N, C-alpha and C. Protein backbone atom coordinates (compact mmCIF):
# COMPACT_ATOMS: atom_id res chain seq x y z
N UNK A 1 111.82 102.95 64.70
CA UNK A 1 111.91 104.05 65.90
C UNK A 1 112.48 105.34 65.62
N UNK A 2 111.85 106.32 65.87
CA UNK A 2 112.40 107.64 65.72
C UNK A 2 112.99 108.34 66.87
N UNK A 3 114.00 108.85 67.02
CA UNK A 3 114.70 109.25 68.23
C UNK A 3 114.78 111.01 67.94
N UNK A 4 114.34 111.70 68.78
CA UNK A 4 114.22 113.10 68.77
C UNK A 4 115.39 113.57 69.89
N UNK A 5 116.11 114.51 69.28
CA UNK A 5 117.30 115.13 70.20
C UNK A 5 116.62 116.40 70.59
N UNK A 6 117.21 116.74 71.72
CA UNK A 6 116.80 118.14 72.33
C UNK A 6 118.21 118.90 72.55
N UNK A 7 118.22 120.02 72.11
CA UNK A 7 119.13 120.91 72.25
C UNK A 7 119.38 121.47 73.80
N UNK A 8 120.44 121.40 74.47
CA UNK A 8 120.57 121.59 75.98
C UNK A 8 121.58 122.75 76.02
N UNK A 9 120.85 124.04 76.72
CA UNK A 9 121.53 125.14 76.76
C UNK A 9 122.32 125.19 78.25
N UNK A 10 123.56 125.44 78.30
CA UNK A 10 124.35 125.54 79.59
C UNK A 10 125.05 126.85 79.69
N UNK A 11 124.60 127.41 81.00
CA UNK A 11 125.13 128.61 81.31
C UNK A 11 125.74 128.63 82.58
N UNK A 12 127.24 128.79 82.82
CA UNK A 12 127.93 128.63 83.81
C UNK A 12 127.82 127.39 84.54
N UNK A 13 127.68 126.21 83.91
CA UNK A 13 127.59 125.04 84.49
C UNK A 13 126.13 124.62 84.78
N UNK A 14 124.97 125.56 84.61
CA UNK A 14 123.72 125.24 84.94
C UNK A 14 122.90 124.85 83.61
N UNK A 15 122.27 123.74 83.73
CA UNK A 15 121.37 123.44 82.53
C UNK A 15 120.11 124.11 82.61
N UNK A 16 120.15 125.13 81.86
CA UNK A 16 119.09 126.15 81.77
C UNK A 16 117.74 125.49 81.16
N UNK A 17 118.17 124.79 80.18
CA UNK A 17 116.80 123.84 79.65
C UNK A 17 116.20 123.22 80.57
N UNK A 18 116.61 122.35 81.34
CA UNK A 18 116.12 121.64 82.45
C UNK A 18 115.52 122.39 83.49
N UNK A 19 116.11 123.51 83.83
CA UNK A 19 115.82 124.47 84.76
C UNK A 19 114.47 125.11 84.31
N UNK A 20 114.24 125.40 83.23
CA UNK A 20 113.12 126.22 82.59
C UNK A 20 111.89 125.05 82.74
N UNK A 21 112.39 123.81 82.39
CA UNK A 21 111.35 122.72 82.20
C UNK A 21 110.77 122.29 83.74
N UNK A 22 111.90 122.49 84.65
CA UNK A 22 111.30 122.48 86.24
C UNK A 22 110.47 123.32 86.62
N UNK A 23 110.81 124.58 86.37
CA UNK A 23 109.95 125.78 86.56
C UNK A 23 108.55 125.63 86.06
N UNK A 24 108.41 125.20 84.78
CA UNK A 24 107.14 124.98 84.33
C UNK A 24 106.29 124.05 84.79
N UNK A 25 106.98 122.70 85.27
CA UNK A 25 106.36 121.56 85.84
C UNK A 25 105.72 122.19 87.46
N UNK A 26 106.55 122.94 88.10
CA UNK A 26 106.32 123.27 89.32
C UNK A 26 104.98 124.45 89.13
N UNK A 27 105.07 125.25 88.18
CA UNK A 27 103.89 126.16 88.12
C UNK A 27 102.55 125.31 87.58
N UNK A 28 102.77 124.50 86.92
CA UNK A 28 101.49 123.66 86.63
C UNK A 28 100.98 122.75 87.80
N UNK A 29 102.12 122.33 88.62
CA UNK A 29 101.57 121.52 89.70
C UNK A 29 102.37 122.01 90.96
N UNK A 30 101.88 122.97 91.63
CA UNK A 30 102.77 123.51 92.84
C UNK A 30 103.07 122.54 93.91
N UNK A 31 102.23 121.49 93.94
CA UNK A 31 102.77 120.50 95.14
C UNK A 31 104.17 119.78 94.70
N UNK A 32 104.56 120.08 93.68
CA UNK A 32 106.11 119.27 93.38
C UNK A 32 107.18 120.22 94.07
N UNK A 33 106.63 121.43 94.58
CA UNK A 33 107.64 122.34 95.04
C UNK A 33 107.71 122.00 96.63
N UNK A 34 106.66 121.26 97.20
CA UNK A 34 106.79 120.86 98.66
C UNK A 34 108.06 120.21 99.03
N UNK A 35 108.65 120.56 100.07
CA UNK A 35 109.83 119.72 100.51
C UNK A 35 110.20 120.14 102.08
N UNK A 36 111.23 119.53 102.53
CA UNK A 36 111.46 119.63 103.90
C UNK A 36 113.00 119.42 104.04
N UNK A 37 113.75 120.12 104.79
CA UNK A 37 115.03 120.22 104.79
C UNK A 37 115.16 119.11 106.29
N UNK A 38 116.41 118.34 106.02
CA UNK A 38 116.69 117.34 107.24
C UNK A 38 118.32 117.54 107.22
N UNK A 39 118.66 117.64 108.42
CA UNK A 39 120.01 117.67 108.70
C UNK A 39 120.24 116.76 110.00
N UNK A 40 121.54 116.30 110.12
CA UNK A 40 122.05 115.74 111.23
C UNK A 40 123.31 116.42 111.77
N UNK A 41 123.53 116.51 113.13
CA UNK A 41 124.84 117.02 113.71
C UNK A 41 125.82 115.97 113.74
């Protein structure tokens, strides 16, 4: 089994690598961005 490692870029505590991958995923499938806010008092 061959394992690949991915270099992760962190800026100010934000995983920029993951953020970029998320943006690409939402651009290719906009339904991923659909959400609702829920709150309780």
